[in-house]
Amino acid sequence: MPRTLSYETEEQTEINLSPMIDCIFILLIFFIVTTVFVEEPGVEIVKPIARTQEELEKNSILIAVTNDNKIVYGGKEFSISGIGTRVRQLLHQNDYPVIIQGDVHAEHGMVSKLWTEVKIAGAKKISVSTQR
């Protein structure tokens, strides 16, 4: 009896994921670059009401003055001279505007001292945050 040989060929299909991974990395880089990072002061502030308003920049240094006249940045309490040093360090990295969030019950003198210290630290644009 003669033998017959039969060969079965299996085609293996392979999906190339490299282009998809490249697209995902490009999208990831896009979202990282366009994300706005704002560091909140870390305390609740009751802002005073103002009749005039102006939209402030998203990338900024937010410093809070609490109702008991404590200066807070990034959840940490600073002295008036300590905040000047911290602002100087932050401005050395980037020239961000500074936004002071003074509580409605904070003393005006403390907000004024903070304004002066931030100005001495080198801030070119300083704003006070209020309610709309």
C-alpha atoms as a PDB file:
ATOM      1  CA  MET A   1       0.000   0.000   0.000  1.00  0.00           C
ATOM      2  CA  PRO A   2       1.502   3.278  -1.057  1.00  0.00           C
ATOM      3  CA  ARG A   3       1.945   5.964   1.441  1.00  0.00           C
ATOM      4  CA  THR A   4       0.734   9.486   0.877  1.00  0.00           C
ATOM      5  CA  LEU A   5       2.211  12.313   2.728  1.00  0.00           C
ATOM      6  CA  SER A   6       0.042  15.198   3.611  1.00  0.00           C
ATOM      7  CA  TYR A   7       1.406  18.416   4.933  1.00  0.00           C
ATOM      8  CA  GLU A   8      -0.815  20.739   6.775  1.00  0.00           C
ATOM      9  CA  THR A   9       0.386  24.259   6.846  1.00  0.00           C
ATOM     10  CA  GLU A  10      -0.700  26.416   9.651  1.00  0.00           C
ATOM     11  CA  GLU A  11      -0.521  30.082   9.115  1.00  0.00           C
ATOM     12  CA  GLN A  12       0.266  31.953  12.256  1.00  0.00           C
ATOM     13  CA  THR A  13      -1.019  35.456  12.322  1.00  0.00           C
ATOM     14  CA  GLU A  14       0.620  37.919  14.584  1.00  0.00           C
ATOM     15  CA  ILE A  15      -0.691  41.288  15.607  1.00  0.00           C
ATOM     16  CA  ASN A  16       1.948  43.965  15.792  1.00  0.00           C
ATOM     17  CA  LEU A  17       1.214  46.143  18.844  1.00  0.00           C
ATOM     18  CA  SER A  18       4.137  48.525  18.404  1.00  0.00           C
ATOM     19  CA  PRO A  19       2.198  51.274  16.563  1.00  0.00           C
ATOM     20  CA  MET A  20      -0.591  51.171  19.138  1.00  0.00           C
ATOM     21  CA  ILE A  21       1.874  51.405  22.029  1.00  0.00           C
ATOM     22  CA  ASP A  22       3.602  54.332  20.301  1.00  0.00           C
ATOM     23  CA  CYS A  23       0.269  56.148  19.986  1.00  0.00           C
ATOM     24  CA  ILE A  24      -0.546  55.544  23.651  1.00  0.00           C
ATOM     25  CA  PHE A  25       2.835  56.930  24.748  1.00  0.00           C
ATOM     26  CA  ILE A  26       2.381  59.999  22.564  1.00  0.00           C
ATOM     27  CA  LEU A  27      -1.073  60.612  24.081  1.00  0.00           C
ATOM     28  CA  LEU A  28       0.344  60.124  27.578  1.00  0.00           C
ATOM     29  CA  ILE A  29       3.098  62.656  26.924  1.00  0.00           C
ATOM     30  CA  PHE A  30       0.538  65.093  25.484  1.00  0.00           C
ATOM     31  CA  PHE A  31      -1.660  64.866  28.583  1.00  0.00           C
ATOM     32  CA  ILE A  32       1.297  65.222  30.962  1.00  0.00           C
ATOM     33  CA  VAL A  33       2.545  68.332  29.169  1.00  0.00           C
ATOM     34  CA  THR A  34      -0.869  70.016  28.981  1.00  0.00           C
ATOM     35  CA  THR A  35      -1.896  69.267  32.567  1.00  0.00           C
ATOM     36  CA  VAL A  36      -2.097  72.254  34.875  1.00  0.00           C
ATOM     37  CA  PHE A  37      -0.595  71.725  38.273  1.00  0.00           C
ATOM     38  CA  VAL A  38      -1.962  73.952  41.028  1.00  0.00           C
ATOM     39  CA  GLU A  39      -0.859  73.372  44.581  1.00  0.00           C
ATOM     40  CA  GLU A  40      -3.622  74.339  46.962  1.00  0.00           C
ATOM     41  CA  PRO A  41      -2.651  75.957  50.271  1.00  0.00           C
ATOM     42  CA  GLY A  42      -4.199  73.116  52.274  1.00  0.00           C
ATOM     43  CA  VAL A  43      -6.624  75.055  54.497  1.00  0.00           C
ATOM     44  CA  GLU A  44     -10.193  76.279  54.134  1.00  0.00           C
ATOM     45  CA  ILE A  45     -10.403  80.011  53.553  1.00  0.00           C
ATOM     46  CA  VAL A  46     -13.534  82.182  53.586  1.00  0.00           C
ATOM     47  CA  LYS A  47     -12.690  84.727  50.899  1.00  0.00           C
ATOM     48  CA  PRO A  48     -14.023  88.275  50.971  1.00  0.00           C
ATOM     49  CA  ILE A  49     -16.577  89.293  48.350  1.00  0.00           C
ATOM     50  CA  ALA A  50     -15.469  91.697  45.619  1.00  0.00           C
ATOM     51  CA  ARG A  51     -17.480  93.618  43.047  1.00  0.00           C
ATOM     52  CA  THR A  52     -14.777  93.509  40.406  1.00  0.00           C
ATOM     53  CA  GLN A  53     -13.101  90.338  39.280  1.00  0.00           C
ATOM     54  CA  GLU A  54     -10.468  89.099  36.925  1.00  0.00           C
ATOM     55  CA  GLU A  55      -9.616  85.559  35.869  1.00  0.00           C
ATOM     56  CA  LEU A  56      -6.292  84.502  37.402  1.00  0.00           C
ATOM     57  CA  GLU A  57      -3.678  82.224  35.888  1.00  0.00           C
ATOM     58  CA  LYS A  58      -3.939  78.518  36.615  1.00  0.00           C
ATOM     59  CA  ASN A  59      -0.217  77.962  37.216  1.00  0.00           C
ATOM     60  CA  SER A  60       0.470  80.070  40.268  1.00  0.00           C
ATOM     61  CA  ILE A  61       1.718  80.039  43.837  1.00  0.00           C
ATOM     62  CA  LEU A  62      -1.261  79.998  46.233  1.00  0.00           C
ATOM     63  CA  ILE A  63      -0.582  81.252  49.754  1.00  0.00           C
ATOM     64  CA  ALA A  64      -3.330  81.406  52.386  1.00  0.00           C
ATOM     65  CA  VAL A  65      -3.779  83.590  55.444  1.00  0.00           C
ATOM     66  CA  THR A  66      -6.162  81.839  57.850  1.00  0.00           C
ATOM     67  CA  ASN A  67      -8.700  83.482  60.142  1.00  0.00           C
ATOM     68  CA  ASP A  68      -6.180  83.217  63.015  1.00  0.00           C
ATOM     69  CA  ASN A  69      -3.457  84.939  60.895  1.00  0.00           C
ATOM     70  CA  LYS A  70      -1.387  81.846  60.099  1.00  0.00           C
ATOM     71  CA  ILE A  71       0.375  81.711  56.726  1.00  0.00           C
ATOM     72  CA  VAL A  72      -0.094  78.371  54.955  1.00  0.00           C
ATOM     73  CA  TYR A  73       1.415  77.066  51.726  1.00  0.00           C
ATOM     74  CA  GLY A  74       1.071  73.462  50.542  1.00  0.00           C
ATOM     75  CA  GLY A  75      -0.533  72.388  53.823  1.00  0.00           C
ATOM     76  CA  LYS A  76       2.442  73.635  55.873  1.00  0.00           C
ATOM     77  CA  GLU A  77       2.498  76.636  58.163  1.00  0.00           C
ATOM     78  CA  PHE A  78       5.204  79.258  57.547  1.00  0.00           C
ATOM     79  CA  SER A  79       6.446  82.306  59.394  1.00  0.00           C
ATOM     80  CA  ILE A  80       6.441  85.625  57.531  1.00  0.00           C
ATOM     81  CA  SER A  81      10.183  85.372  56.812  1.00  0.00           C
ATOM     82  CA  GLY A  82       9.965  81.637  56.047  1.00  0.00           C
ATOM     83  CA  ILE A  83       7.354  82.177  53.357  1.00  0.00           C
ATOM     84  CA  GLY A  84       9.624  84.751  51.711  1.00  0.00           C
ATOM     85  CA  THR A  85      12.393  82.166  51.445  1.00  0.00           C
ATOM     86  CA  ARG A  86       9.988  79.546  50.075  1.00  0.00           C
ATOM     87  CA  VAL A  87       8.557  81.940  47.478  1.00  0.00           C
ATOM     88  CA  ARG A  88      12.085  82.920  46.425  1.00  0.00           C
ATOM     89  CA  GLN A  89      12.883  79.205  45.856  1.00  0.00           C
ATOM     90  CA  LEU A  90       9.699  78.682  43.832  1.00  0.00           C
ATOM     91  CA  LEU A  91      10.281  81.791  41.720  1.00  0.00           C
ATOM     92  CA  HIS A  92      13.831  80.646  41.019  1.00  0.00           C
ATOM     93  CA  GLN A  93      12.379  77.552  39.293  1.00  0.00           C
ATOM     94  CA  ASN A  94       9.572  79.366  37.379  1.00  0.00           C
ATOM     95  CA  ASP A  95       8.300  82.921  37.233  1.00  0.00           C
ATOM     96  CA  TYR A  96       4.791  82.148  38.510  1.00  0.00           C
ATOM     97  CA  PRO A  97       2.358  84.792  39.723  1.00  0.00           C
ATOM     98  CA  VAL A  98       1.530  84.727  43.443  1.00  0.00           C
ATOM     99  CA  ILE A  99      -2.080  84.598  44.645  1.00  0.00           C
ATOM    100  CA  ILE A 100      -2.813  85.482  48.269  1.00  0.00           C
ATOM    101  CA  GLN A 101      -5.968  83.903  49.681  1.00  0.00           C
ATOM    102  CA  GLY A 102      -6.750  85.956  52.761  1.00  0.00           C
ATOM    103  CA  ASP A 103      -9.574  84.835  55.018  1.00  0.00           C
ATOM    104  CA  VAL A 104     -12.311  87.430  55.515  1.00  0.00           C
ATOM    105  CA  HIS A 105     -11.511  87.399  59.266  1.00  0.00           C
ATOM    106  CA  ALA A 106      -7.725  87.679  58.870  1.00  0.00           C
ATOM    107  CA  GLU A 107      -6.084  90.917  59.917  1.00  0.00           C
ATOM    108  CA  HIS A 108      -5.359  93.280  57.070  1.00  0.00           C
ATOM    109  CA  GLY A 109      -1.916  93.912  58.554  1.00  0.00           C
ATOM    110  CA  MET A 110      -0.940  90.238  58.129  1.00  0.00           C
ATOM    111  CA  VAL A 111      -2.075  90.187  54.495  1.00  0.00           C
ATOM    112  CA  SER A 112      -0.152  93.417  53.936  1.00  0.00           C
ATOM    113  CA  LYS A 113       3.013  91.962  55.534  1.00  0.00           C
ATOM    114  CA  LEU A 114       2.658  88.857  53.370  1.00  0.00           C
ATOM    115  CA  TRP A 115       2.259  91.029  50.252  1.00  0.00           C
ATOM    116  CA  THR A 116       5.425  92.954  51.152  1.00  0.00           C
ATOM    117  CA  GLU A 117       7.416  89.777  51.860  1.00  0.00           C
ATOM    118  CA  VAL A 118       6.333  88.172  48.567  1.00  0.00           C
ATOM    119  CA  LYS A 119       7.247  91.368  46.701  1.00  0.00           C
ATOM    120  CA  ILE A 120      10.699  91.415  48.336  1.00  0.00           C
ATOM    121  CA  ALA A 121      11.103  87.722  47.385  1.00  0.00           C
ATOM    122  CA  GLY A 122      10.883  88.764  43.733  1.00  0.00           C
ATOM    123  CA  ALA A 123       7.271  88.173  42.676  1.00  0.00           C
ATOM    124  CA  LYS A 124       6.378  90.341  39.700  1.00  0.00           C
ATOM    125  CA  LYS A 125       2.619  89.706  39.742  1.00  0.00           C
ATOM    126  CA  ILE A 126       0.726  89.429  43.031  1.00  0.00           C
ATOM    127  CA  SER A 127      -3.067  89.067  43.300  1.00  0.00           C
ATOM    128  CA  VAL A 128      -5.585  88.698  46.096  1.00  0.00           C
ATOM    129  CA  SER A 129      -8.203  85.975  45.675  1.00  0.00           C
ATOM    130  CA  THR A 130     -11.859  86.844  46.392  1.00  0.00           C
ATOM    131  CA  GLN A 131     -15.285  85.313  45.971  1.00  0.00           C
ATOM    132  CA  ARG A 132     -17.261  86.052  42.837  1.00  0.00           C
END
